[in-house]
Amino acid sequence: MSVIGGMDTDGDGRSAVHSTRFSSPAESLLRISVPPGTPPEAEAAIVRLIELTGILARRAAQLQEALDSRVVIEQAKGVLAERYGTNVDEAFRVLRQGARSSRTRLRELAARVVASQETPGEISALIRR
């Protein structure tokens, strides 16, 4: 099998179009066979569509992660507001300050707030001030 312009040609005369610019091993599994005689422009378009599909999949994963982070942070704000009888803006300020002062990711600290009935020390120290 040889690589020709971003495509592998198999011994059966068909081309397997794939992008050589994949960023993850899973993406490199995507290969599409095109019939013999497919115009080079069509093969180039297929390669580009595969690349774009990978880009969009990565972007969707990033957006899902951001949404998941946002949900846990909102939950933590509500928990802290309830525990300390404050508003959610103040709860977020304390949460953010606790994450910064302890060099902890905001999402990680928020997850700890939500998961435990005890307020993490990084936050309770700030509230006692």
Protein backbone atom coordinates (compact mmCIF):
# COMPACT_ATOMS: atom_id res chain seq x y z
CA MET A 1 0.00 0.00 0.00
CA SER A 2 1.46 3.39 -0.91
CA VAL A 3 0.51 6.90 0.11
CA ILE A 4 -0.39 9.13 -2.80
CA GLY A 5 -1.45 12.71 -2.07
CA GLY A 6 -3.06 11.83 1.26
CA MET A 7 -4.63 8.59 -0.04
CA ASP A 8 -3.68 4.94 0.30
CA THR A 9 -4.09 2.80 -2.76
CA ASP A 10 -4.81 -0.83 -2.11
CA GLY A 11 -3.92 -3.58 -4.49
CA ASP A 12 -7.57 -3.90 -5.54
CA GLY A 13 -7.50 -0.66 -7.54
CA ARG A 14 -9.61 1.30 -5.06
CA SER A 15 -8.31 4.29 -3.15
CA ALA A 16 -8.78 4.66 0.56
CA VAL A 17 -9.06 8.37 1.25
CA HIS A 18 -7.92 9.60 4.62
CA SER A 19 -6.37 12.65 6.17
CA THR A 20 -2.84 12.45 7.47
CA ARG A 21 -3.48 15.38 9.84
CA PHE A 22 -5.49 13.58 12.50
CA SER A 23 -4.87 14.65 16.07
CA SER A 24 -6.03 11.49 17.82
CA PRO A 25 -5.58 7.78 17.15
CA ALA A 26 -9.35 7.27 16.96
CA GLU A 27 -9.67 9.75 14.13
CA SER A 28 -7.00 7.96 12.11
CA LEU A 29 -9.32 4.95 11.90
CA LEU A 30 -11.62 6.84 9.56
CA ARG A 31 -10.93 5.65 6.02
CA ILE A 32 -13.23 5.83 3.06
CA SER A 33 -12.86 3.77 -0.08
CA VAL A 34 -13.62 5.55 -3.31
CA PRO A 35 -14.27 3.82 -6.61
CA PRO A 36 -11.57 3.76 -9.27
CA GLY A 37 -11.70 6.75 -11.56
CA THR A 38 -12.92 9.15 -8.91
CA PRO A 39 -11.74 12.60 -9.97
CA PRO A 40 -8.89 14.04 -7.89
CA GLU A 41 -11.07 17.04 -7.02
CA ALA A 42 -13.67 14.74 -5.47
CA GLU A 43 -11.01 12.86 -3.54
CA ALA A 44 -9.58 16.16 -2.26
CA ALA A 45 -13.08 17.24 -1.22
CA ILE A 46 -13.56 13.96 0.66
CA VAL A 47 -10.25 14.44 2.49
CA ARG A 48 -11.29 17.98 3.44
CA LEU A 49 -14.70 16.79 4.66
CA ILE A 50 -13.02 14.17 6.83
CA GLU A 51 -10.73 16.84 8.27
CA LEU A 52 -13.67 19.15 8.94
CA THR A 53 -15.62 16.32 10.57
CA GLY A 54 -12.71 15.77 12.96
CA ILE A 55 -12.49 19.48 13.74
CA LEU A 56 -16.23 19.64 14.42
CA ALA A 57 -16.11 16.53 16.61
CA ARG A 58 -13.31 18.05 18.71
CA ARG A 59 -15.22 21.33 18.99
CA ALA A 60 -18.39 19.51 20.07
CA ALA A 61 -16.39 17.68 22.75
CA GLN A 62 -14.94 20.99 23.99
CA LEU A 63 -18.39 22.54 24.16
CA GLN A 64 -19.77 19.54 26.05
CA GLU A 65 -16.93 19.76 28.55
CA ALA A 66 -17.59 23.48 29.01
CA LEU A 67 -21.29 22.80 29.56
CA ASP A 68 -20.52 20.08 32.10
CA SER A 69 -18.16 22.46 33.92
CA ARG A 70 -20.78 25.18 33.93
CA VAL A 71 -23.38 22.85 35.43
CA VAL A 72 -21.17 21.78 38.34
CA ILE A 73 -20.08 25.38 39.00
CA GLU A 74 -23.73 26.52 39.07
CA GLN A 75 -24.55 23.69 41.48
CA ALA A 76 -21.66 24.66 43.75
CA LYS A 77 -22.79 28.29 43.75
CA GLY A 78 -26.24 27.18 44.89
CA VAL A 79 -24.83 24.89 47.57
CA LEU A 80 -22.58 27.61 48.98
CA ALA A 81 -25.35 30.21 48.89
CA GLU A 82 -27.59 27.82 50.80
CA ARG A 83 -24.93 26.83 53.35
CA TYR A 84 -23.89 30.36 54.16
CA GLY A 85 -27.11 32.28 53.56
CA THR A 86 -25.64 34.47 50.85
CA ASN A 87 -26.50 35.26 47.26
CA VAL A 88 -25.11 33.29 44.31
CA ASP A 89 -22.88 36.17 43.17
CA GLU A 90 -21.10 36.19 46.52
CA ALA A 91 -20.93 32.40 46.49
CA PHE A 92 -19.25 32.51 43.08
CA ARG A 93 -16.80 35.17 44.25
CA VAL A 94 -15.78 32.98 47.19
CA LEU A 95 -15.59 29.87 45.00
CA ARG A 96 -13.41 31.65 42.45
CA GLN A 97 -11.18 33.19 45.13
CA GLY A 98 -10.79 29.79 46.81
CA ALA A 99 -9.77 28.18 43.52
CA ARG A 100 -7.27 30.93 42.78
CA SER A 101 -5.72 30.98 46.23
CA SER A 102 -5.28 27.20 46.25
CA ARG A 103 -4.28 26.99 42.58
CA THR A 104 -7.11 24.56 41.97
CA ARG A 105 -9.25 24.45 38.87
CA LEU A 106 -12.59 26.10 39.50
CA ARG A 107 -14.46 23.05 38.19
CA GLU A 108 -12.53 20.70 40.52
CA LEU A 109 -13.22 22.82 43.58
CA ALA A 110 -16.87 23.16 42.58
CA ALA A 111 -17.13 19.37 42.21
CA ARG A 112 -15.73 18.96 45.73
CA VAL A 113 -18.29 21.42 47.11
CA VAL A 114 -21.14 19.52 45.45
CA ALA A 115 -19.85 16.05 46.40
CA SER A 116 -19.37 16.67 50.11
CA GLN A 117 -21.47 17.94 52.97
CA GLU A 118 -18.31 19.58 54.31
CA THR A 119 -17.15 22.79 52.66
CA PRO A 120 -13.56 22.50 51.38
CA GLY A 121 -11.01 24.31 53.50
CA GLU A 122 -10.08 26.68 50.69
CA ILE A 123 -13.59 28.11 50.85
CA SER A 124 -14.39 27.87 54.56
CA ALA A 125 -11.20 29.82 55.35
CA LEU A 126 -12.41 32.65 53.11
CA ILE A 127 -15.90 32.70 54.59
CA ARG A 128 -14.57 32.91 58.18
CA ARG A 129 -12.77 36.18 57.39
